[in-house]
């Protein structure tokens, strides 16, 4: 994801907060709440989207769509193959998230499957065949307690 080429000011952060609560909210309503013109909200929102600072998308519940088995898969990869392995893994339909990370593992994956057998098949027949993958550790989710997809900007009232 590209980094924003500009710094965010208070108005940008306020617009982001409003869109995080409801990404379908009309710009005119956001403008009325913030005491600015709808065209200002539209211009700023467009700039935020175009710069990659924000993304407006529908977030579906995987279980409702037939993928009730969710897990984080930690992966150890040979150092020289790290970027290539991450790129290859990102192409799998079962994978919704890939992060290159520090710590005892090199990659963390978010995986969704129809059942445990599909998860086993993914790990043993797909993931294990990626060049450089040495070891995997699966953390099966028993219950997701919080999943808001919302990361900053937050003010003190948002933290309560």
Protein backbone atom coordinates (compact mmCIF):
# COMPACT_ATOMS: atom_id res chain seq x y z
CA UNK A 1 0.00 0.00 0.00
CA UNK A 2 1.52 3.36 -0.98
CA UNK A 3 2.31 5.83 1.76
CA UNK A 4 0.50 9.18 1.73
CA UNK A 5 2.59 11.91 0.15
CA UNK A 6 1.21 14.53 2.49
CA UNK A 7 0.80 14.87 6.18
CA UNK A 8 -2.68 14.61 7.59
CA UNK A 9 -4.15 17.62 9.35
CA UNK A 10 -7.00 17.73 11.90
CA UNK A 11 -9.64 18.05 9.19
CA UNK A 12 -8.32 14.99 7.33
CA UNK A 13 -8.38 13.04 10.59
CA UNK A 14 -11.96 14.15 11.30
CA UNK A 15 -13.08 13.05 7.83
CA UNK A 16 -11.34 9.69 8.29
CA UNK A 17 -13.08 9.20 11.66
CA UNK A 18 -16.47 9.86 10.07
CA UNK A 19 -15.80 7.46 7.19
CA UNK A 20 -14.58 4.76 9.58
CA UNK A 21 -17.93 4.83 11.34
CA UNK A 22 -19.82 4.61 8.02
CA UNK A 23 -17.94 4.52 4.71
CA UNK A 24 -21.23 5.03 2.83
CA UNK A 25 -22.09 8.24 4.64
CA UNK A 26 -22.79 11.09 2.20
CA UNK A 27 -20.13 13.78 2.06
CA UNK A 28 -22.86 16.39 2.62
CA UNK A 29 -23.68 14.84 6.03
CA UNK A 30 -20.00 14.75 7.00
CA UNK A 31 -19.66 18.37 5.89
CA UNK A 32 -22.65 19.44 8.00
CA UNK A 33 -21.23 17.67 11.04
CA UNK A 34 -17.81 19.25 10.60
CA UNK A 35 -19.10 22.70 9.60
CA UNK A 36 -17.44 22.77 6.17
CA UNK A 37 -18.59 22.49 2.56
CA UNK A 38 -19.43 19.18 0.92
CA UNK A 39 -16.94 19.95 -1.87
CA UNK A 40 -14.15 20.26 0.72
CA UNK A 41 -15.04 16.84 2.13
CA UNK A 42 -15.16 15.35 -1.38
CA UNK A 43 -11.80 16.85 -2.40
CA UNK A 44 -10.09 15.74 0.79
CA UNK A 45 -11.64 12.26 0.75
CA UNK A 46 -10.61 11.83 -2.89
CA UNK A 47 -7.05 12.91 -2.06
CA UNK A 48 -6.93 10.50 0.90
CA UNK A 49 -8.17 7.64 -1.27
CA UNK A 50 -5.90 8.45 -4.23
CA UNK A 51 -2.84 8.74 -1.99
CA UNK A 52 -3.51 5.36 -0.38
CA UNK A 53 -4.00 6.89 3.08
CA UNK A 54 -7.48 5.32 3.27
CA UNK A 55 -9.46 2.70 1.42
CA UNK A 56 -13.24 2.45 1.39
CA UNK A 57 -14.47 -1.10 0.98
CA UNK A 58 -17.08 -3.55 2.18
CA UNK A 59 -15.91 -5.90 4.91
CA UNK A 60 -17.71 -9.21 4.81
CA UNK A 61 -17.97 -11.70 7.66
CA UNK A 62 -16.05 -14.78 6.44
CA UNK A 63 -18.25 -17.21 8.41
CA UNK A 64 -21.40 -15.82 6.80
CA UNK A 65 -19.80 -16.34 3.38
CA UNK A 66 -19.01 -19.98 4.14
CA UNK A 67 -15.51 -19.68 5.61
CA UNK A 68 -15.98 -20.33 9.34
CA UNK A 69 -12.46 -21.67 9.94
CA UNK A 70 -10.08 -18.77 10.49
CA UNK A 71 -6.46 -18.90 11.57
CA UNK A 72 -3.21 -17.04 11.76
CA UNK A 73 -0.41 -19.00 10.20
CA UNK A 74 3.11 -18.07 11.28
CA UNK A 75 5.72 -18.96 8.67
CA UNK A 76 9.51 -19.26 8.79
CA UNK A 77 11.16 -18.63 5.44
CA UNK A 78 14.73 -18.74 4.14
CA UNK A 79 15.94 -15.13 4.20
CA UNK A 80 16.86 -14.92 0.52
CA UNK A 81 13.36 -16.13 -0.44
CA UNK A 82 11.39 -13.92 1.95
CA UNK A 83 9.91 -11.38 -0.49
CA UNK A 84 9.28 -13.95 -3.22
CA UNK A 85 7.61 -16.33 -0.77
CA UNK A 86 5.41 -13.53 0.59
CA UNK A 87 4.36 -12.54 -2.93
CA UNK A 88 3.55 -16.15 -3.87
CA UNK A 89 1.57 -16.77 -0.68
CA UNK A 90 -0.41 -13.56 -1.20
CA UNK A 91 -1.87 -15.06 -4.40
CA UNK A 92 -3.65 -17.91 -2.60
CA UNK A 93 -7.42 -17.39 -2.31
CA UNK A 94 -7.44 -18.70 1.27
CA UNK A 95 -5.10 -15.88 2.37
CA UNK A 96 -6.60 -12.52 3.26
CA UNK A 97 -3.54 -10.89 4.82
CA UNK A 98 0.22 -11.33 4.58
CA UNK A 99 2.74 -9.43 6.69
CA UNK A 100 6.51 -9.65 6.70
CA UNK A 101 7.41 -9.28 10.35
CA UNK A 102 10.11 -9.41 12.98
CA UNK A 103 10.39 -11.94 15.77
CA UNK A 104 10.63 -15.69 15.69
CA UNK A 105 8.62 -15.92 12.46
CA UNK A 106 9.12 -14.19 9.12
CA UNK A 107 5.53 -14.02 7.87
CA UNK A 108 2.11 -13.87 9.48
CA UNK A 109 -0.90 -14.88 7.40
CA UNK A 110 -4.63 -14.55 7.99
CA UNK A 111 -6.32 -17.58 6.46
CA UNK A 112 -9.99 -18.46 5.97
CA UNK A 113 -11.24 -21.94 5.04
CA UNK A 114 -14.53 -23.82 4.74
CA UNK A 115 -13.47 -26.49 7.24
CA UNK A 116 -10.45 -27.97 9.01
CA UNK A 117 -9.75 -30.32 6.11
CA UNK A 118 -9.43 -27.36 3.75
CA UNK A 119 -7.02 -25.70 6.20
CA UNK A 120 -4.92 -28.87 6.35
CA UNK A 121 -4.94 -29.08 2.56
CA UNK A 122 -3.88 -25.44 2.27
CA UNK A 123 -0.93 -25.87 4.66
CA UNK A 124 0.24 -29.27 3.40
CA UNK A 125 -0.39 -28.97 -0.33
CA UNK A 126 -0.01 -25.27 -1.10
CA UNK A 127 1.93 -23.42 1.57
CA UNK A 128 4.54 -26.14 2.10
CA UNK A 129 5.37 -26.12 -1.63
CA UNK A 130 6.42 -22.47 -1.71
CA UNK A 131 10.18 -22.26 -2.19
CA UNK A 132 11.89 -21.16 1.01
CA UNK A 133 9.08 -22.08 3.42
CA UNK A 134 10.74 -24.03 6.23
CA UNK A 135 8.21 -24.18 9.03
CA UNK A 136 4.63 -23.21 9.83
CA UNK A 137 2.69 -22.77 13.05
CA UNK A 138 -1.11 -22.54 12.98
CA UNK A 139 -3.17 -20.54 15.45
CA UNK A 140 -6.79 -21.57 14.93
CA UNK A 141 -9.30 -18.94 16.03
CA UNK A 142 -11.84 -20.31 18.48
CA UNK A 143 -13.76 -17.04 18.75
CA UNK A 144 -13.07 -13.56 17.40
CA UNK A 145 -13.86 -11.16 20.21
CA UNK A 146 -13.11 -7.88 18.42
CA UNK A 147 -12.59 -7.11 14.76
CA UNK A 148 -13.25 -3.50 13.86
CA UNK A 149 -10.78 -2.98 10.98
CA UNK A 150 -10.26 0.49 12.46
CA UNK A 151 -6.80 1.79 13.13
CA UNK A 152 -6.22 5.39 14.31
CA UNK A 153 -6.75 8.23 14.18
CA UNK A 154 -8.44 8.11 17.54
CA UNK A 155 -8.98 10.76 20.10
CA UNK A 156 -9.55 10.14 23.78
CA UNK A 157 -13.33 9.73 23.43
CA UNK A 158 -12.78 6.95 20.84
CA UNK A 159 -10.67 4.98 23.33
CA UNK A 160 -13.37 4.78 25.99
